[in-house]
């Protein structure tokens, strides 16, 4: 049955490739959409994966286009299908990969939203003043914002941090990124100072913390959820950002953009962000070029 091969593949993703459960769930949703389409395409539930050819995969992409899915979403579903068929071919369950030579829709480059250095400076002025009157929670929020911007962390990465991941003397943090890949990221002095203050105030409120304790916690002492972190961050961003629609990830974009503006090279930024490919990091070069163009349009006397 087609579903049994899907289940086998998803177990392989989780057990052998050790992808996170969120990534495995995303693969599961995308492949479930493919399975549902094939039921309709073949007009029966008795088909097999070996019945799928390149034209069938192209029909699936056309189906997704008619559903008005974004090109990025279509490309992701094709990538999931391509990976799945590669697995089936490698296991000898089908003769070849029918999605191998099917092209994804061309992606329009979307420049990421970010805060300017002036906006970021205003944000930390505001966070600092609020933390002074906010008790241990205010210091927690300040430490969270400082760490996000100091290290360019993803939401999932900061959510998973424990105190044992911080090396105060070495001024660095151990981060588990996508695909459970670990990297070491430097931490700035201001972020470390905020983290030390937060730890002291938290211990005063909740008692001593151990290395295995979660870094950022709620009033009940439980690890802050992703949603709670998002609320804290977006609340501060909304107070200073001139551009709407910015999110927790925008702090990561700001980190990379400001490093590039300060003279850091793309390879260094790639390693700090934990990108697998330099092509992902190159979008920040596009961001800076776009800003240079805007400055030129405003400032050049013979534009």
C-alpha atoms as a PDB file:
ATOM      1  CA  UNK A   1       0.000   0.000   0.000  1.00  0.00           C
ATOM      2  CA  UNK A   2       1.343   3.489  -0.854  1.00  0.00           C
ATOM      3  CA  UNK A   3       0.842   4.741   2.701  1.00  0.00           C
ATOM      4  CA  UNK A   4       3.101   2.067   4.172  1.00  0.00           C
ATOM      5  CA  UNK A   5       6.059   3.351   2.104  1.00  0.00           C
ATOM      6  CA  UNK A   6       5.306   6.879   3.330  1.00  0.00           C
ATOM      7  CA  UNK A   7       5.405   5.734   6.936  1.00  0.00           C
ATOM      8  CA  UNK A   8       8.670   3.897   6.314  1.00  0.00           C
ATOM      9  CA  UNK A   9      10.208   7.046   4.814  1.00  0.00           C
ATOM     10  CA  UNK A  10       9.054   9.292   7.662  1.00  0.00           C
ATOM     11  CA  UNK A  11      10.545   6.886  10.217  1.00  0.00           C
ATOM     12  CA  UNK A  12      13.821   7.026   8.286  1.00  0.00           C
ATOM     13  CA  UNK A  13      13.792  10.839   8.452  1.00  0.00           C
ATOM     14  CA  UNK A  14      13.318  10.786  12.192  1.00  0.00           C
ATOM     15  CA  UNK A  15      15.501   7.822  13.189  1.00  0.00           C
ATOM     16  CA  UNK A  16      18.375   7.842  10.692  1.00  0.00           C
ATOM     17  CA  UNK A  17      18.566  11.434   9.510  1.00  0.00           C
ATOM     18  CA  UNK A  18      17.496  12.683  12.958  1.00  0.00           C
ATOM     19  CA  UNK A  19      15.407  15.546  11.627  1.00  0.00           C
ATOM     20  CA  UNK A  20      13.299  17.421  14.151  1.00  0.00           C
ATOM     21  CA  UNK A  21       9.696  16.389  14.653  1.00  0.00           C
ATOM     22  CA  UNK A  22       8.571  19.705  13.168  1.00  0.00           C
ATOM     23  CA  UNK A  23      10.535  19.032   9.972  1.00  0.00           C
ATOM     24  CA  UNK A  24       9.216  15.465   9.786  1.00  0.00           C
ATOM     25  CA  UNK A  25       5.674  16.789  10.271  1.00  0.00           C
ATOM     26  CA  UNK A  26       6.209  19.215   7.375  1.00  0.00           C
ATOM     27  CA  UNK A  27       7.371  16.371   5.120  1.00  0.00           C
ATOM     28  CA  UNK A  28       4.360  14.343   6.224  1.00  0.00           C
ATOM     29  CA  UNK A  29       1.915  17.114   5.268  1.00  0.00           C
ATOM     30  CA  UNK A  30       3.520  17.700   1.871  1.00  0.00           C
ATOM     31  CA  UNK A  31       3.585  14.011   0.989  1.00  0.00           C
ATOM     32  CA  UNK A  32       0.020  13.560   2.211  1.00  0.00           C
ATOM     33  CA  UNK A  33      -0.986  16.233  -0.331  1.00  0.00           C
ATOM     34  CA  UNK A  34       0.846  14.265  -3.033  1.00  0.00           C
ATOM     35  CA  UNK A  35      -0.869  11.023  -1.978  1.00  0.00           C
ATOM     36  CA  UNK A  36      -4.300  12.677  -2.048  1.00  0.00           C
ATOM     37  CA  UNK A  37      -3.628  14.096  -5.526  1.00  0.00           C
ATOM     38  CA  UNK A  38      -2.535  10.705  -6.864  1.00  0.00           C
ATOM     39  CA  UNK A  39      -5.732   9.054  -5.593  1.00  0.00           C
ATOM     40  CA  UNK A  40      -7.668  11.545  -7.682  1.00  0.00           C
ATOM     41  CA  UNK A  41      -5.252  11.484 -10.643  1.00  0.00           C
ATOM     42  CA  UNK A  42      -5.341   7.707 -11.045  1.00  0.00           C
ATOM     43  CA  UNK A  43      -9.033   7.492 -10.118  1.00  0.00           C
ATOM     44  CA  UNK A  44      -8.386   4.626  -7.723  1.00  0.00           C
ATOM     45  CA  UNK A  45      -6.605   3.887  -4.456  1.00  0.00           C
ATOM     46  CA  UNK A  46      -4.980   0.770  -5.935  1.00  0.00           C
ATOM     47  CA  UNK A  47      -2.096   2.583  -7.642  1.00  0.00           C
ATOM     48  CA  UNK A  48       1.548   2.106  -6.640  1.00  0.00           C
ATOM     49  CA  UNK A  49       4.486   4.514  -6.435  1.00  0.00           C
ATOM     50  CA  UNK A  50       5.982   2.792  -9.474  1.00  0.00           C
ATOM     51  CA  UNK A  51       3.038   4.111 -11.531  1.00  0.00           C
ATOM     52  CA  UNK A  52       4.211   7.697 -11.016  1.00  0.00           C
ATOM     53  CA  UNK A  53       6.241   9.161 -13.887  1.00  0.00           C
ATOM     54  CA  UNK A  54       7.597  12.612 -14.699  1.00  0.00           C
ATOM     55  CA  UNK A  55       4.338  13.712 -16.347  1.00  0.00           C
ATOM     56  CA  UNK A  56       2.450  12.731 -13.196  1.00  0.00           C
ATOM     57  CA  UNK A  57       4.758  14.871 -11.060  1.00  0.00           C
ATOM     58  CA  UNK A  58       4.286  17.788 -13.446  1.00  0.00           C
ATOM     59  CA  UNK A  59       0.518  17.315 -13.187  1.00  0.00           C
ATOM     60  CA  UNK A  60       0.881  17.549  -9.407  1.00  0.00           C
ATOM     61  CA  UNK A  61       2.695  20.883  -9.754  1.00  0.00           C
ATOM     62  CA  UNK A  62      -0.013  22.168 -12.097  1.00  0.00           C
ATOM     63  CA  UNK A  63      -2.615  21.107  -9.545  1.00  0.00           C
ATOM     64  CA  UNK A  64      -0.812  23.068  -6.828  1.00  0.00           C
ATOM     65  CA  UNK A  65      -0.606  26.103  -9.102  1.00  0.00           C
ATOM     66  CA  UNK A  66      -4.362  25.978  -9.691  1.00  0.00           C
ATOM     67  CA  UNK A  67      -4.813  25.980  -5.913  1.00  0.00           C
ATOM     68  CA  UNK A  68      -3.002  29.354  -5.930  1.00  0.00           C
ATOM     69  CA  UNK A  69      -0.185  28.143  -3.686  1.00  0.00           C
ATOM     70  CA  UNK A  70       2.850  30.355  -3.454  1.00  0.00           C
ATOM     71  CA  UNK A  71       5.824  29.344  -5.561  1.00  0.00           C
ATOM     72  CA  UNK A  72       7.887  28.755  -2.450  1.00  0.00           C
ATOM     73  CA  UNK A  73       5.285  26.288  -1.139  1.00  0.00           C
ATOM     74  CA  UNK A  74       5.142  24.469  -4.471  1.00  0.00           C
ATOM     75  CA  UNK A  75       8.926  24.212  -4.552  1.00  0.00           C
ATOM     76  CA  UNK A  76       8.939  22.803  -1.019  1.00  0.00           C
ATOM     77  CA  UNK A  77       6.378  20.122  -1.909  1.00  0.00           C
ATOM     78  CA  UNK A  78       8.371  19.178  -5.010  1.00  0.00           C
ATOM     79  CA  UNK A  79      11.514  18.919  -2.884  1.00  0.00           C
ATOM     80  CA  UNK A  80       9.697  16.605  -0.461  1.00  0.00           C
ATOM     81  CA  UNK A  81       8.462  14.447  -3.366  1.00  0.00           C
ATOM     82  CA  UNK A  82      11.934  14.338  -4.930  1.00  0.00           C
ATOM     83  CA  UNK A  83      13.497  13.248  -1.650  1.00  0.00           C
ATOM     84  CA  UNK A  84      10.820  10.602  -1.091  1.00  0.00           C
ATOM     85  CA  UNK A  85      11.178   9.110  -4.581  1.00  0.00           C
ATOM     86  CA  UNK A  86      14.958   9.080  -4.147  1.00  0.00           C
ATOM     87  CA  UNK A  87      14.442   7.015  -0.993  1.00  0.00           C
ATOM     88  CA  UNK A  88      12.117   4.584  -2.817  1.00  0.00           C
ATOM     89  CA  UNK A  89      14.608   4.219  -5.669  1.00  0.00           C
ATOM     90  CA  UNK A  90      17.515   3.646  -3.298  1.00  0.00           C
ATOM     91  CA  UNK A  91      15.537   0.963  -1.476  1.00  0.00           C
ATOM     92  CA  UNK A  92      14.719  -0.774  -4.768  1.00  0.00           C
ATOM     93  CA  UNK A  93      10.984  -0.088  -4.439  1.00  0.00           C
ATOM     94  CA  UNK A  94      10.770   1.818  -7.738  1.00  0.00           C
ATOM     95  CA  UNK A  95      12.938   1.821 -10.880  1.00  0.00           C
ATOM     96  CA  UNK A  96      13.959   5.489 -10.778  1.00  0.00           C
ATOM     97  CA  UNK A  97      13.165   8.920  -9.401  1.00  0.00           C
ATOM     98  CA  UNK A  98      10.368  10.475 -11.529  1.00  0.00           C
ATOM     99  CA  UNK A  99      10.787  13.878  -9.850  1.00  0.00           C
ATOM    100  CA  UNK A 100      14.537  14.112 -10.383  1.00  0.00           C
ATOM    101  CA  UNK A 101      14.456  16.255 -13.519  1.00  0.00           C
ATOM    102  CA  UNK A 102      11.235  18.156 -12.816  1.00  0.00           C
ATOM    103  CA  UNK A 103      12.036  21.823 -12.292  1.00  0.00           C
ATOM    104  CA  UNK A 104      10.621  23.829  -9.444  1.00  0.00           C
ATOM    105  CA  UNK A 105       8.865  27.115 -10.289  1.00  0.00           C
ATOM    106  CA  UNK A 106      11.286  30.018 -10.481  1.00  0.00           C
ATOM    107  CA  UNK A 107      11.428  31.803  -7.159  1.00  0.00           C
ATOM    108  CA  UNK A 108      11.034  35.546  -6.955  1.00  0.00           C
ATOM    109  CA  UNK A 109      13.593  36.936  -4.541  1.00  0.00           C
ATOM    110  CA  UNK A 110      11.922  38.393  -1.487  1.00  0.00           C
ATOM    111  CA  UNK A 111      14.094  40.745   0.522  1.00  0.00           C
ATOM    112  CA  UNK A 112      13.708  39.939   4.227  1.00  0.00           C
ATOM    113  CA  UNK A 113      12.250  42.505   6.579  1.00  0.00           C
ATOM    114  CA  UNK A 114      14.619  43.891   9.182  1.00  0.00           C
ATOM    115  CA  UNK A 115      15.026  46.752  11.621  1.00  0.00           C
ATOM    116  CA  UNK A 116      17.452  49.562  10.887  1.00  0.00           C
ATOM    117  CA  UNK A 117      20.313  50.150  13.287  1.00  0.00           C
ATOM    118  CA  UNK A 118      18.497  53.261  14.519  1.00  0.00           C
ATOM    119  CA  UNK A 119      15.344  51.247  15.195  1.00  0.00           C
ATOM    120  CA  UNK A 120      17.342  48.548  16.945  1.00  0.00           C
ATOM    121  CA  UNK A 121      19.035  51.140  19.140  1.00  0.00           C
ATOM    122  CA  UNK A 122      15.624  52.582  20.089  1.00  0.00           C
ATOM    123  CA  UNK A 123      14.353  49.078  20.800  1.00  0.00           C
ATOM    124  CA  UNK A 124      17.133  48.330  23.284  1.00  0.00           C
ATOM    125  CA  UNK A 125      16.756  51.721  24.943  1.00  0.00           C
ATOM    126  CA  UNK A 126      13.106  50.856  25.487  1.00  0.00           C
ATOM    127  CA  UNK A 127      13.812  47.293  26.603  1.00  0.00           C
ATOM    128  CA  UNK A 128      16.402  48.557  29.091  1.00  0.00           C
ATOM    129  CA  UNK A 129      14.071  51.119  30.627  1.00  0.00           C
ATOM    130  CA  UNK A 130      11.234  48.612  30.908  1.00  0.00           C
ATOM    131  CA  UNK A 131      13.444  45.939  32.458  1.00  0.00           C
ATOM    132  CA  UNK A 132      14.347  48.269  35.313  1.00  0.00           C
ATOM    133  CA  UNK A 133      10.713  48.355  36.425  1.00  0.00           C
ATOM    134  CA  UNK A 134       9.645  44.906  35.231  1.00  0.00           C
ATOM    135  CA  UNK A 135      11.155  42.720  37.942  1.00  0.00           C
ATOM    136  CA  UNK A 136      12.727  39.426  36.900  1.00  0.00           C
ATOM    137  CA  UNK A 137      10.410  39.206  33.848  1.00  0.00           C
ATOM    138  CA  UNK A 138      11.717  42.515  32.539  1.00  0.00           C
ATOM    139  CA  UNK A 139      15.289  41.280  32.861  1.00  0.00           C
ATOM    140  CA  UNK A 140      14.288  38.018  31.158  1.00  0.00           C
ATOM    141  CA  UNK A 141      12.821  39.915  28.203  1.00  0.00           C
ATOM    142  CA  UNK A 142      15.915  42.099  27.950  1.00  0.00           C
ATOM    143  CA  UNK A 143      18.214  39.053  28.014  1.00  0.00           C
ATOM    144  CA  UNK A 144      16.064  37.360  25.366  1.00  0.00           C
ATOM    145  CA  UNK A 145      16.216  40.340  23.014  1.00  0.00           C
ATOM    146  CA  UNK A 146      19.934  40.874  23.567  1.00  0.00           C
ATOM    147  CA  UNK A 147      20.728  37.212  22.875  1.00  0.00           C
ATOM    148  CA  UNK A 148      18.577  37.055  19.736  1.00  0.00           C
ATOM    149  CA  UNK A 149      20.263  40.093  18.219  1.00  0.00           C
ATOM    150  CA  UNK A 150      23.756  39.296  19.495  1.00  0.00           C
ATOM    151  CA  UNK A 151      23.750  35.818  17.943  1.00  0.00           C
ATOM    152  CA  UNK A 152      21.174  35.921  15.143  1.00  0.00           C
ATOM    153  CA  UNK A 153      19.361  32.885  16.508  1.00  0.00           C
ATOM    154  CA  UNK A 154      16.272  31.269  15.049  1.00  0.00           C
ATOM    155  CA  UNK A 155      13.139  31.109  17.197  1.00  0.00           C
ATOM    156  CA  UNK A 156      13.471  27.325  17.554  1.00  0.00           C
ATOM    157  CA  UNK A 157      17.112  27.683  18.586  1.00  0.00           C
ATOM    158  CA  UNK A 158      16.567  30.165  21.397  1.00  0.00           C
ATOM    159  CA  UNK A 159      13.516  28.193  22.536  1.00  0.00           C
ATOM    160  CA  UNK A 160      15.630  25.058  23.037  1.00  0.00           C
ATOM    161  CA  UNK A 161      18.485  26.644  25.003  1.00  0.00           C
ATOM    162  CA  UNK A 162      19.418  25.460  28.487  1.00  0.00           C
ATOM    163  CA  UNK A 163      21.807  27.193  30.894  1.00  0.00           C
ATOM    164  CA  UNK A 164      24.400  24.506  30.097  1.00  0.00           C
ATOM    165  CA  UNK A 165      24.523  25.803  26.503  1.00  0.00           C
ATOM    166  CA  UNK A 166      25.937  29.139  27.674  1.00  0.00           C
ATOM    167  CA  UNK A 167      29.644  29.584  28.325  1.00  0.00           C
ATOM    168  CA  UNK A 168      29.915  32.879  30.176  1.00  0.00           C
ATOM    169  CA  UNK A 169      33.712  32.813  30.446  1.00  0.00           C
ATOM    170  CA  UNK A 170      34.172  31.775  26.830  1.00  0.00           C
ATOM    171  CA  UNK A 171      31.502  34.293  25.705  1.00  0.00           C
ATOM    172  CA  UNK A 172      29.738  31.823  23.449  1.00  0.00           C
ATOM    173  CA  UNK A 173      26.625  29.682  23.171  1.00  0.00           C
ATOM    174  CA  UNK A 174      26.122  26.180  21.809  1.00  0.00           C
ATOM    175  CA  UNK A 175      23.152  26.067  19.439  1.00  0.00           C
ATOM    176  CA  UNK A 176      21.306  23.155  17.859  1.00  0.00           C
ATOM    177  CA  UNK A 177      20.149  24.330  14.447  1.00  0.00           C
ATOM    178  CA  UNK A 178      18.230  22.796  11.573  1.00  0.00           C
ATOM    179  CA  UNK A 179      18.757  19.078  11.094  1.00  0.00           C
ATOM    180  CA  UNK A 180      20.084  18.943  14.673  1.00  0.00           C
ATOM    181  CA  UNK A 181      23.362  20.430  13.473  1.00  0.00           C
ATOM    182  CA  UNK A 182      25.291  22.023  16.328  1.00  0.00           C
ATOM    183  CA  UNK A 183      27.279  25.231  16.053  1.00  0.00           C
ATOM    184  CA  UNK A 184      29.075  27.549  18.443  1.00  0.00           C
ATOM    185  CA  UNK A 185      28.185  31.250  18.238  1.00  0.00           C
ATOM    186  CA  UNK A 186      29.964  34.159  19.964  1.00  0.00           C
ATOM    187  CA  UNK A 187      27.897  36.175  22.445  1.00  0.00           C
ATOM    188  CA  UNK A 188      28.405  39.922  22.848  1.00  0.00           C
ATOM    189  CA  UNK A 189      29.289  41.552  26.161  1.00  0.00           C
ATOM    190  CA  UNK A 190      25.974  43.397  26.439  1.00  0.00           C
ATOM    191  CA  UNK A 191      24.044  40.164  25.940  1.00  0.00           C
ATOM    192  CA  UNK A 192      26.171  38.379  28.554  1.00  0.00           C
ATOM    193  CA  UNK A 193      25.631  41.200  31.045  1.00  0.00           C
ATOM    194  CA  UNK A 194      21.863  41.021  30.457  1.00  0.00           C
ATOM    195  CA  UNK A 195      21.936  37.217  30.859  1.00  0.00           C
ATOM    196  CA  UNK A 196      23.898  37.431  34.118  1.00  0.00           C
ATOM    197  CA  UNK A 197      21.457  40.006  35.509  1.00  0.00           C
ATOM    198  CA  UNK A 198      18.511  37.863  34.421  1.00  0.00           C
ATOM    199  CA  UNK A 199      19.989  34.768  36.082  1.00  0.00           C
ATOM    200  CA  UNK A 200      20.518  36.648  39.351  1.00  0.00           C
ATOM    201  CA  UNK A 201      16.981  38.090  39.359  1.00  0.00           C
ATOM    202  CA  UNK A 202      15.439  34.762  38.354  1.00  0.00           C
ATOM    203  CA  UNK A 203      17.232  32.936  41.190  1.00  0.00           C
ATOM    204  CA  UNK A 204      15.960  35.563  43.603  1.00  0.00           C
ATOM    205  CA  UNK A 205      12.405  34.835  42.403  1.00  0.00           C
ATOM    206  CA  UNK A 206      12.492  31.063  41.722  1.00  0.00           C
ATOM    207  CA  UNK A 207      15.570  29.723  43.478  1.00  0.00           C
ATOM    208  CA  UNK A 208      18.884  28.432  42.159  1.00  0.00           C
ATOM    209  CA  UNK A 209      19.081  27.260  38.559  1.00  0.00           C
ATOM    210  CA  UNK A 210      21.063  24.275  37.360  1.00  0.00           C
ATOM    211  CA  UNK A 211      22.876  23.645  34.065  1.00  0.00           C
ATOM    212  CA  UNK A 212      20.027  21.478  32.736  1.00  0.00           C
ATOM    213  CA  UNK A 213      17.346  24.084  33.451  1.00  0.00           C
ATOM    214  CA  UNK A 214      15.763  25.868  30.480  1.00  0.00           C
ATOM    215  CA  UNK A 215      17.260  29.279  29.828  1.00  0.00           C
ATOM    216  CA  UNK A 216      14.054  31.271  29.415  1.00  0.00           C
ATOM    217  CA  UNK A 217      11.074  30.392  31.587  1.00  0.00           C
ATOM    218  CA  UNK A 218       7.553  31.565  32.371  1.00  0.00           C
ATOM    219  CA  UNK A 219       6.112  32.618  35.725  1.00  0.00           C
ATOM    220  CA  UNK A 220       5.579  28.943  36.544  1.00  0.00           C
ATOM    221  CA  UNK A 221       9.196  28.074  35.853  1.00  0.00           C
ATOM    222  CA  UNK A 222       8.411  26.146  32.661  1.00  0.00           C
ATOM    223  CA  UNK A 223      10.319  26.699  29.426  1.00  0.00           C
ATOM    224  CA  UNK A 224       8.878  29.591  27.422  1.00  0.00           C
ATOM    225  CA  UNK A 225       6.948  28.268  24.429  1.00  0.00           C
ATOM    226  CA  UNK A 226       7.684  29.462  20.917  1.00  0.00           C
ATOM    227  CA  UNK A 227       4.423  31.398  20.939  1.00  0.00           C
ATOM    228  CA  UNK A 228       5.333  33.149  24.193  1.00  0.00           C
ATOM    229  CA  UNK A 229       8.731  34.130  22.798  1.00  0.00           C
ATOM    230  CA  UNK A 230       7.065  35.467  19.656  1.00  0.00           C
ATOM    231  CA  UNK A 231       4.686  37.593  21.729  1.00  0.00           C
ATOM    232  CA  UNK A 232       7.530  39.133  23.724  1.00  0.00           C
ATOM    233  CA  UNK A 233       9.633  39.926  20.671  1.00  0.00           C
ATOM    234  CA  UNK A 234       6.873  41.228  18.404  1.00  0.00           C
ATOM    235  CA  UNK A 235       5.579  43.455  21.213  1.00  0.00           C
ATOM    236  CA  UNK A 236       8.921  45.270  21.352  1.00  0.00           C
ATOM    237  CA  UNK A 237       9.323  45.385  17.576  1.00  0.00           C
ATOM    238  CA  UNK A 238       5.890  46.949  17.151  1.00  0.00           C
ATOM    239  CA  UNK A 239       6.904  49.821  19.446  1.00  0.00           C
ATOM    240  CA  UNK A 240       9.831  50.940  17.261  1.00  0.00           C
ATOM    241  CA  UNK A 241       9.498  49.527  13.734  1.00  0.00           C
ATOM    242  CA  UNK A 242       8.473  51.880  10.959  1.00  0.00           C
ATOM    243  CA  UNK A 243       7.759  48.879   8.723  1.00  0.00           C
ATOM    244  CA  UNK A 244       4.859  46.578   9.583  1.00  0.00           C
ATOM    245  CA  UNK A 245       4.725  42.790   9.507  1.00  0.00           C
ATOM    246  CA  UNK A 246       8.074  42.166  11.209  1.00  0.00           C
ATOM    247  CA  UNK A 247       8.510  39.068  13.345  1.00  0.00           C
ATOM    248  CA  UNK A 248      10.978  37.295  15.611  1.00  0.00           C
ATOM    249  CA  UNK A 249      12.869  36.179  12.490  1.00  0.00           C
ATOM    250  CA  UNK A 250      13.316  39.839  11.557  1.00  0.00           C
ATOM    251  CA  UNK A 251      15.779  40.177  14.455  1.00  0.00           C
ATOM    252  CA  UNK A 252      17.873  37.449  12.798  1.00  0.00           C
ATOM    253  CA  UNK A 253      17.659  39.317   9.481  1.00  0.00           C
ATOM    254  CA  UNK A 254      18.706  42.522  11.250  1.00  0.00           C
ATOM    255  CA  UNK A 255      21.701  40.749  12.801  1.00  0.00           C
ATOM    256  CA  UNK A 256      22.932  39.557   9.398  1.00  0.00           C
ATOM    257  CA  UNK A 257      22.236  42.828   7.579  1.00  0.00           C
ATOM    258  CA  UNK A 258      24.013  44.938  10.200  1.00  0.00           C
ATOM    259  CA  UNK A 259      27.036  42.615  10.161  1.00  0.00           C
ATOM    260  CA  UNK A 260      27.238  42.937   6.381  1.00  0.00           C
ATOM    261  CA  UNK A 261      26.942  46.724   6.630  1.00  0.00           C
ATOM    262  CA  UNK A 262      29.770  46.681   9.170  1.00  0.00           C
ATOM    263  CA  UNK A 263      32.119  44.909   6.778  1.00  0.00           C
ATOM    264  CA  UNK A 264      31.664  41.215   7.645  1.00  0.00           C
ATOM    265  CA  UNK A 265      32.060  38.849   4.700  1.00  0.00           C
ATOM    266  CA  UNK A 266      29.291  36.494   3.601  1.00  0.00           C
ATOM    267  CA  UNK A 267      31.193  33.328   4.534  1.00  0.00           C
ATOM    268  CA  UNK A 268      31.526  34.485   8.142  1.00  0.00           C
ATOM    269  CA  UNK A 269      27.824  35.417   8.266  1.00  0.00           C
ATOM    270  CA  UNK A 270      26.940  32.024   6.771  1.00  0.00           C
ATOM    271  CA  UNK A 271      28.741  30.234   9.606  1.00  0.00           C
ATOM    272  CA  UNK A 272      27.203  32.444  12.286  1.00  0.00           C
ATOM    273  CA  UNK A 273      23.687  31.878  10.925  1.00  0.00           C
ATOM    274  CA  UNK A 274      24.190  28.142  10.478  1.00  0.00           C
ATOM    275  CA  UNK A 275      23.217  28.174   6.800  1.00  0.00           C
ATOM    276  CA  UNK A 276      23.958  24.979   4.879  1.00  0.00           C
ATOM    277  CA  UNK A 277      24.531  26.878   1.631  1.00  0.00           C
ATOM    278  CA  UNK A 278      26.097  30.232   0.820  1.00  0.00           C
ATOM    279  CA  UNK A 279      23.272  30.902  -1.643  1.00  0.00           C
ATOM    280  CA  UNK A 280      20.903  31.277   1.317  1.00  0.00           C
ATOM    281  CA  UNK A 281      23.173  33.872   2.909  1.00  0.00           C
ATOM    282  CA  UNK A 282      23.535  35.820  -0.340  1.00  0.00           C
ATOM    283  CA  UNK A 283      20.057  37.301   0.018  1.00  0.00           C
ATOM    284  CA  UNK A 284      21.560  39.705   2.569  1.00  0.00           C
ATOM    285  CA  UNK A 285      23.876  41.051  -0.120  1.00  0.00           C
ATOM    286  CA  UNK A 286      20.760  41.756  -2.179  1.00  0.00           C
ATOM    287  CA  UNK A 287      19.251  43.545   0.806  1.00  0.00           C
ATOM    288  CA  UNK A 288      22.243  45.855   1.092  1.00  0.00           C
ATOM    289  CA  UNK A 289      22.343  46.515  -2.654  1.00  0.00           C
ATOM    290  CA  UNK A 290      18.656  47.448  -2.567  1.00  0.00           C
ATOM    291  CA  UNK A 291      19.305  49.924   0.225  1.00  0.00           C
ATOM    292  CA  UNK A 292      22.243  51.410  -1.707  1.00  0.00           C
ATOM    293  CA  UNK A 293      19.973  51.867  -4.705  1.00  0.00           C
ATOM    294  CA  UNK A 294      17.405  53.687  -2.554  1.00  0.00           C
ATOM    295  CA  UNK A 295      20.107  55.978  -1.142  1.00  0.00           C
ATOM    296  CA  UNK A 296      21.337  56.692  -4.667  1.00  0.00           C
ATOM    297  CA  UNK A 297      17.830  57.546  -5.879  1.00  0.00           C
ATOM    298  CA  UNK A 298      17.363  60.018  -3.048  1.00  0.00           C
ATOM    299  CA  UNK A 299      20.813  61.575  -2.872  1.00  0.00           C
ATOM    300  CA  UNK A 300      22.377  61.705  -6.341  1.00  0.00           C
ATOM    301  CA  UNK A 301      21.886  65.109  -7.996  1.00  0.00           C
ATOM    302  CA  UNK A 302      21.595  63.657 -11.520  1.00  0.00           C
ATOM    303  CA  UNK A 303      19.739  60.470 -10.799  1.00  0.00           C
END
